[in-house]
Amino acid sequence: MIVTLKILHLLALAVAFGLTTANLLIFRYAASLNESERVPLGPLQRQLSAIGLLAIVLLWITGVALYLLIWLGAPVSVWFWVKMAFVVALTGLAITARKTASAAIAEGKAPPAQTMRQYAHLVAVAGFGAVVTAVIAFNA
């Protein structure tokens, strides 16, 4: 059970990072376009964002399950809590980015390319921080 959860956790992480990278590439490309040319990219970005949020939900489910099965009641290092801060930041940023893009798309506009690009960069940084601190926390 624990091995299966770890596999699902790592696969969800890979999907989340892959979609963040894809969105960064799309935002870079979209920045060179005018707003009317960016509008058709909205549905693609919306789908990638939805799948990314599903990956984050799966990360939370598997992460909580792993914590309960392995670490519940055991002392955890401060690095675990630093990792959790990165995970909470990543989740909040992903949700905020999704809401920002969805609001623009609902109005028939392209998501604001520079703002979305900044969100994607921050999500990537938070994800990187979560991975680095997880490695430290679970190998200390």
Protein backbone atom coordinates (compact mmCIF):
# COMPACT_ATOMS: atom_id res chain seq x y z
CA MET A 1 0.00 0.00 0.00
CA ILE A 2 2.75 2.44 0.94
CA VAL A 3 4.69 1.66 -2.23
CA THR A 4 1.58 2.25 -4.36
CA LEU A 5 0.93 5.57 -2.62
CA LYS A 6 4.54 6.66 -3.17
CA ILE A 7 4.29 5.76 -6.86
CA LEU A 8 1.04 7.70 -7.26
CA HIS A 9 2.53 10.61 -5.33
CA LEU A 10 5.60 10.79 -7.57
CA LEU A 11 3.54 10.39 -10.76
CA ALA A 12 1.24 13.23 -9.68
CA LEU A 13 4.32 15.33 -8.95
CA ALA A 14 5.68 14.60 -12.43
CA VAL A 15 2.37 15.56 -14.03
CA ALA A 16 2.20 18.79 -12.03
CA PHE A 17 5.75 19.77 -13.01
CA GLY A 18 5.16 18.82 -16.63
CA LEU A 19 2.01 20.90 -16.87
CA THR A 20 3.70 23.86 -15.17
CA THR A 21 6.48 23.64 -17.74
CA ALA A 22 3.96 23.41 -20.58
CA ASN A 23 2.12 26.46 -19.28
CA LEU A 24 5.37 28.40 -18.95
CA LEU A 25 6.12 27.67 -22.61
CA ILE A 26 2.61 28.69 -23.65
CA PHE A 27 2.83 31.92 -21.63
CA ARG A 28 6.20 32.72 -23.19
CA TYR A 29 4.72 32.21 -26.65
CA ALA A 30 1.53 34.12 -25.75
CA ALA A 31 3.53 37.14 -24.60
CA SER A 32 4.61 37.68 -28.22
CA LEU A 33 0.99 37.78 -29.41
CA ASN A 34 -1.62 40.51 -29.14
CA GLU A 35 -4.64 39.85 -26.93
CA SER A 36 -6.98 38.72 -29.72
CA GLU A 37 -4.39 36.21 -30.91
CA ARG A 38 -4.06 34.82 -27.35
CA VAL A 39 -7.79 34.14 -26.91
CA PRO A 40 -7.69 30.69 -28.64
CA LEU A 41 -4.98 29.57 -26.20
CA GLY A 42 -7.36 30.07 -23.27
CA PRO A 43 -9.21 26.75 -23.53
CA LEU A 44 -5.93 24.83 -23.79
CA GLN A 45 -4.52 26.62 -20.77
CA ARG A 46 -7.76 26.01 -18.91
CA GLN A 47 -7.55 22.25 -19.59
CA LEU A 48 -3.90 22.09 -18.56
CA SER A 49 -4.74 24.01 -15.41
CA ALA A 50 -7.62 21.68 -14.56
CA ILE A 51 -5.40 18.61 -14.98
CA GLY A 52 -2.71 20.33 -12.92
CA LEU A 53 -5.16 20.96 -10.09
CA LEU A 54 -6.21 17.31 -10.21
CA ALA A 55 -2.54 16.37 -9.89
CA ILE A 56 -2.25 18.67 -6.86
CA VAL A 57 -5.36 17.08 -5.31
CA LEU A 58 -3.82 13.64 -5.86
CA LEU A 59 -0.58 14.89 -4.27
CA TRP A 60 -2.53 16.03 -1.21
CA ILE A 61 -4.49 12.77 -0.94
CA THR A 62 -1.45 10.55 -1.32
CA GLY A 63 0.71 12.82 0.83
CA VAL A 64 -1.78 12.85 3.70
CA ALA A 65 -2.23 9.07 3.39
CA LEU A 66 1.54 8.54 3.48
CA TYR A 67 1.86 10.82 6.50
CA LEU A 68 -0.88 8.92 8.33
CA LEU A 69 0.57 5.52 7.46
CA ILE A 70 4.24 6.30 8.07
CA TRP A 71 4.73 9.38 10.21
CA LEU A 72 1.61 9.83 12.38
CA GLY A 73 2.75 10.17 15.96
CA ALA A 74 6.42 10.13 14.99
CA PRO A 75 8.44 13.29 15.38
CA VAL A 76 9.10 15.06 12.07
CA SER A 77 11.88 17.50 11.37
CA VAL A 78 11.45 21.20 10.83
CA TRP A 79 12.18 20.48 7.15
CA PHE A 80 8.87 18.62 6.93
CA TRP A 81 7.04 21.77 7.99
CA VAL A 82 9.08 23.93 5.61
CA LYS A 83 8.06 21.48 2.85
CA MET A 84 4.44 21.82 3.92
CA ALA A 85 4.71 25.62 3.69
CA PHE A 86 5.92 25.24 0.09
CA VAL A 87 3.07 22.82 -0.64
CA VAL A 88 0.46 25.18 0.80
CA ALA A 89 1.95 28.08 -1.19
CA LEU A 90 1.97 25.98 -4.36
CA THR A 91 -1.67 24.99 -3.83
CA GLY A 92 -2.77 28.57 -3.17
CA LEU A 93 -0.89 29.89 -6.20
CA ALA A 94 -2.33 27.19 -8.47
CA ILE A 95 -5.88 27.92 -7.32
CA THR A 96 -5.39 31.69 -7.68
CA ALA A 97 -3.92 31.27 -11.18
CA ARG A 98 -6.83 29.05 -12.18
CA LYS A 99 -9.38 31.58 -10.90
CA THR A 100 -7.60 34.45 -12.66
CA ALA A 101 -7.50 32.60 -15.98
CA SER A 102 -11.08 31.34 -15.67
CA ALA A 103 -12.40 34.83 -14.95
CA ALA A 104 -10.70 36.23 -18.06
CA ILE A 105 -11.87 33.35 -20.25
CA ALA A 106 -15.44 33.73 -18.96
CA GLU A 107 -15.32 37.37 -20.10
CA GLY A 108 -14.12 36.27 -23.55
CA LYS A 109 -10.64 37.66 -22.94
CA ALA A 110 -7.27 36.02 -22.93
CA PRO A 111 -5.80 35.41 -19.49
CA PRO A 112 -3.33 38.18 -18.65
CA ALA A 113 -0.13 36.70 -20.07
CA GLN A 114 2.37 38.43 -17.78
CA THR A 115 0.36 37.72 -14.61
CA MET A 116 -0.16 34.09 -15.58
CA ARG A 117 3.50 33.71 -16.42
CA GLN A 118 4.40 35.06 -12.98
CA TYR A 119 2.01 32.60 -11.34
CA ALA A 120 3.54 29.73 -13.31
CA HIS A 121 7.05 30.77 -12.25
CA LEU A 122 5.98 31.01 -8.61
CA VAL A 123 4.29 27.59 -8.80
CA ALA A 124 7.50 26.15 -10.25
CA VAL A 125 9.60 27.73 -7.48
CA ALA A 126 7.21 26.46 -4.79
CA GLY A 127 7.25 22.99 -6.35
CA PHE A 128 11.03 22.98 -6.50
CA GLY A 129 11.19 24.11 -2.87
CA ALA A 130 8.75 21.39 -1.85
CA VAL A 131 10.81 18.69 -3.56
CA VAL A 132 14.15 19.88 -2.15
CA THR A 133 12.84 20.20 1.40
CA ALA A 134 11.00 16.84 1.14
CA VAL A 135 14.25 15.13 0.20
CA ILE A 136 15.98 16.78 3.16
CA ALA A 137 13.09 16.04 5.54
CA PHE A 138 12.75 12.38 4.67
CA ASN A 139 16.48 11.65 4.60
CA ALA A 140 17.48 13.48 7.76
